[in-house]
Structure formats: structure tokens, C-alpha cells
Amino acid sequence: MFKNVKEKKKFIRSKDFYILLLARLITNFGDSLYAIASTLLVYKMSGSTFYSGLTLFLTSSTAIVQLF
């Protein structure tokens, strides 16, 4: 991908890289809030820790699938 260290440093210092990094951080933060909120909603509606755990597993399992 990079031919030498100078190209890599130039890429990391670019404005586009920082915009992409910031966007990924915001997306990951939003995904975490969604997982917590959905788990709490299921617990509040059902009172079941099993279904709350299942909800957290299902919302988190999409991140595992994205790795492949």
C-alpha cells in the first residue's frame, strides 16, 4: 500500500484521514449508545435479564460479522 515511510506519514497527516477517523469514532460511539439503550429498553419492558443479555448479544454480534 505504501512504498515508504514518507508516504505513510503524509497520509496520516492529511485532512481526509482525520475526517475519516473522526467519522469512525462518532459512528462507534453511536453504535455503543444504541446497544446500551436497546438493552435497557428490553429490560424495562420485560424485566428479564435473559432477554436483555440476548438483546446485547444480538446488537453486538453485527460488529463481529463486520470483521469478515
N, C-alpha and C. Protein backbone atom coordinates (compact mmCIF):
# COMPACT_ATOMS: atom_id res chain seq x y z
N MET A 1 0.83 -1.19 0.00
CA MET A 1 0.00 0.00 0.00
C MET A 1 0.87 1.25 0.00
N PHE A 2 1.79 1.34 0.94
CA PHE A 2 2.69 2.48 0.99
C PHE A 2 4.07 2.01 0.55
N LYS A 3 4.70 2.80 -0.31
CA LYS A 3 6.02 2.42 -0.82
C LYS A 3 7.12 2.70 0.19
N ASN A 4 6.95 3.74 0.99
CA ASN A 4 7.95 4.05 2.00
C ASN A 4 7.29 4.76 3.18
N VAL A 5 8.11 5.06 4.16
CA VAL A 5 7.61 5.66 5.40
C VAL A 5 7.10 7.08 5.16
N LYS A 6 7.73 7.81 4.24
CA LYS A 6 7.30 9.18 3.96
C LYS A 6 5.87 9.24 3.45
N GLU A 7 5.51 8.30 2.59
CA GLU A 7 4.14 8.26 2.07
C GLU A 7 3.15 7.97 3.18
N LYS A 8 3.52 7.09 4.07
CA LYS A 8 2.64 6.74 5.19
C LYS A 8 2.44 7.95 6.11
N LYS A 9 3.50 8.64 6.43
CA LYS A 9 3.39 9.83 7.29
C LYS A 9 2.55 10.91 6.61
N LYS A 10 2.74 11.07 5.31
CA LYS A 10 1.97 12.07 4.57
C LYS A 10 0.48 11.75 4.60
N PHE A 11 0.16 10.46 4.47
CA PHE A 11 -1.24 10.04 4.51
C PHE A 11 -1.84 10.28 5.89
N ILE A 12 -1.12 9.95 6.93
CA ILE A 12 -1.64 10.10 8.30
C ILE A 12 -1.84 11.58 8.64
N ARG A 13 -1.02 12.44 8.10
CA ARG A 13 -1.14 13.87 8.39
C ARG A 13 -2.16 14.59 7.51
N SER A 14 -2.77 13.89 6.59
CA SER A 14 -3.71 14.54 5.68
C SER A 14 -5.04 14.83 6.37
N LYS A 15 -5.73 15.84 5.87
CA LYS A 15 -7.01 16.27 6.41
C LYS A 15 -8.07 15.18 6.22
N ASP A 16 -8.05 14.52 5.08
CA ASP A 16 -9.03 13.47 4.80
C ASP A 16 -8.93 12.32 5.79
N PHE A 17 -7.72 11.99 6.19
CA PHE A 17 -7.53 10.91 7.17
C PHE A 17 -8.18 11.27 8.50
N TYR A 18 -7.98 12.51 8.94
CA TYR A 18 -8.57 12.92 10.21
C TYR A 18 -10.10 13.01 10.15
N ILE A 19 -10.64 13.39 9.01
CA ILE A 19 -12.09 13.41 8.86
C ILE A 19 -12.65 11.99 8.93
N LEU A 20 -11.98 11.06 8.25
CA LEU A 20 -12.39 9.66 8.30
C LEU A 20 -12.28 9.10 9.71
N LEU A 21 -11.20 9.40 10.40
CA LEU A 21 -11.01 8.92 11.76
C LEU A 21 -12.09 9.47 12.69
N LEU A 22 -12.39 10.75 12.58
CA LEU A 22 -13.43 11.36 13.42
C LEU A 22 -14.79 10.75 13.12
N ALA A 23 -15.08 10.52 11.85
CA ALA A 23 -16.37 9.91 11.49
C ALA A 23 -16.50 8.50 12.05
N ARG A 24 -15.42 7.73 12.01
CA ARG A 24 -15.46 6.37 12.58
C ARG A 24 -15.65 6.41 14.09
N LEU A 25 -15.01 7.35 14.77
CA LEU A 25 -15.18 7.47 16.22
C LEU A 25 -16.62 7.82 16.58
N ILE A 26 -17.21 8.74 15.85
CA ILE A 26 -18.60 9.12 16.11
C ILE A 26 -19.54 7.94 15.84
N THR A 27 -19.28 7.21 14.77
CA THR A 27 -20.10 6.04 14.44
C THR A 27 -20.00 4.98 15.52
N ASN A 28 -18.80 4.70 15.98
CA ASN A 28 -18.63 3.69 17.03
C ASN A 28 -19.29 4.11 18.33
N PHE A 29 -19.22 5.39 18.66
CA PHE A 29 -19.87 5.90 19.86
C PHE A 29 -21.39 5.73 19.75
N GLY A 30 -21.94 6.06 18.59
CA GLY A 30 -23.38 5.90 18.37
C GLY A 30 -23.82 4.45 18.44
N ASP A 31 -23.01 3.55 17.89
CA ASP A 31 -23.34 2.12 17.97
C ASP A 31 -23.35 1.63 19.41
N SER A 32 -22.42 2.13 20.21
CA SER A 32 -22.37 1.74 21.63
C SER A 32 -23.59 2.25 22.38
N LEU A 33 -23.97 3.49 22.11
CA LEU A 33 -25.17 4.03 22.75
C LEU A 33 -26.42 3.25 22.36
N TYR A 34 -26.49 2.85 21.10
CA TYR A 34 -27.63 2.07 20.62
C TYR A 34 -27.70 0.72 21.35
N ALA A 35 -26.57 0.07 21.50
CA ALA A 35 -26.56 -1.23 22.18
C ALA A 35 -27.00 -1.10 23.63
N ILE A 36 -26.52 -0.08 24.31
CA ILE A 36 -26.90 0.13 25.72
C ILE A 36 -28.37 0.50 25.83
N ALA A 37 -28.83 1.40 24.98
CA ALA A 37 -30.23 1.85 25.05
C ALA A 37 -31.20 0.72 24.72
N SER A 38 -30.88 -0.08 23.72
CA SER A 38 -31.79 -1.19 23.38
C SER A 38 -31.83 -2.23 24.49
N THR A 39 -30.69 -2.48 25.11
CA THR A 39 -30.66 -3.43 26.23
C THR A 39 -31.49 -2.93 27.40
N LEU A 40 -31.34 -1.65 27.73
CA LEU A 40 -32.12 -1.08 28.83
C LEU A 40 -33.61 -1.04 28.51
N LEU A 41 -33.95 -0.78 27.27
CA LEU A 41 -35.36 -0.76 26.87
C LEU A 41 -35.98 -2.14 27.01
N VAL A 42 -35.28 -3.16 26.56
CA VAL A 42 -35.80 -4.53 26.68
C VAL A 42 -35.94 -4.92 28.14
N TYR A 43 -34.96 -4.55 28.96
CA TYR A 43 -35.05 -4.88 30.38
C TYR A 43 -36.22 -4.16 31.04
N LYS A 44 -36.41 -2.89 30.69
CA LYS A 44 -37.50 -2.12 31.28
C LYS A 44 -38.86 -2.68 30.86
N MET A 45 -38.97 -3.13 29.60
CA MET A 45 -40.25 -3.63 29.11
C MET A 45 -40.53 -5.06 29.60
N SER A 46 -39.49 -5.89 29.70
CA SER A 46 -39.73 -7.30 30.04
C SER A 46 -39.36 -7.64 31.48
N GLY A 47 -38.38 -6.94 32.03
CA GLY A 47 -37.90 -7.27 33.37
C GLY A 47 -37.03 -8.52 33.38
N SER A 48 -36.69 -9.04 32.21
CA SER A 48 -35.92 -10.28 32.10
C SER A 48 -34.46 -9.98 31.78
N THR A 49 -33.58 -10.49 32.63
CA THR A 49 -32.15 -10.33 32.35
C THR A 49 -31.72 -11.21 31.19
N PHE A 50 -32.42 -12.33 30.98
CA PHE A 50 -32.08 -13.20 29.85
C PHE A 50 -32.31 -12.48 28.53
N TYR A 51 -33.48 -11.89 28.36
CA TYR A 51 -33.78 -11.19 27.12
C TYR A 51 -32.91 -9.94 26.95
N SER A 52 -32.54 -9.32 28.05
CA SER A 52 -31.63 -8.18 27.97
C SER A 52 -30.26 -8.62 27.47
N GLY A 53 -29.77 -9.72 28.00
CA GLY A 53 -28.49 -10.26 27.55
C GLY A 53 -28.55 -10.70 26.09
N LEU A 54 -29.66 -11.31 25.71
CA LEU A 54 -29.83 -11.74 24.33
C LEU A 54 -29.84 -10.53 23.39
N THR A 55 -30.48 -9.45 23.81
CA THR A 55 -30.51 -8.23 23.01
C THR A 55 -29.11 -7.66 22.85
N LEU A 56 -28.36 -7.62 23.93
CA LEU A 56 -26.99 -7.10 23.85
C LEU A 56 -26.14 -7.98 22.94
N PHE A 57 -26.31 -9.28 23.04
CA PHE A 57 -25.56 -10.20 22.17
C PHE A 57 -25.90 -9.96 20.70
N LEU A 58 -27.19 -9.84 20.41
CA LEU A 58 -27.60 -9.67 19.02
C LEU A 58 -27.16 -8.33 18.43
N THR A 59 -27.22 -7.28 19.22
CA THR A 59 -26.77 -5.98 18.71
C THR A 59 -25.25 -5.93 18.59
N SER A 60 -24.54 -6.66 19.42
CA SER A 60 -23.07 -6.68 19.35
C SER A 60 -22.57 -7.65 18.30
N SER A 61 -23.35 -8.65 17.97
CA SER A 61 -22.88 -9.65 17.01
C SER A 61 -22.73 -9.08 15.61
N THR A 62 -23.41 -8.00 15.32
CA THR A 62 -23.23 -7.37 14.00
C THR A 62 -21.81 -6.82 13.84
N ALA A 63 -21.20 -6.38 14.93
CA ALA A 63 -19.83 -5.89 14.85
C ALA A 63 -18.87 -7.03 14.55
N ILE A 64 -19.17 -8.22 15.04
CA ILE A 64 -18.32 -9.36 14.78
C ILE A 64 -18.42 -9.76 13.32
N VAL A 65 -19.62 -9.70 12.76
CA VAL A 65 -19.82 -10.05 11.37
C VAL A 65 -19.10 -9.07 10.45
N GLN A 66 -19.00 -7.82 10.83
CA GLN A 66 -18.34 -6.81 10.02
C GLN A 66 -16.85 -7.07 9.86
N LEU A 67 -16.26 -7.84 10.74
CA LEU A 67 -14.83 -8.15 10.64
C LEU A 67 -14.51 -9.03 9.45
N PHE A 68 -15.49 -9.80 9.00
CA PHE A 68 -15.21 -10.76 7.93
C PHE A 68 -15.67 -10.23 6.64
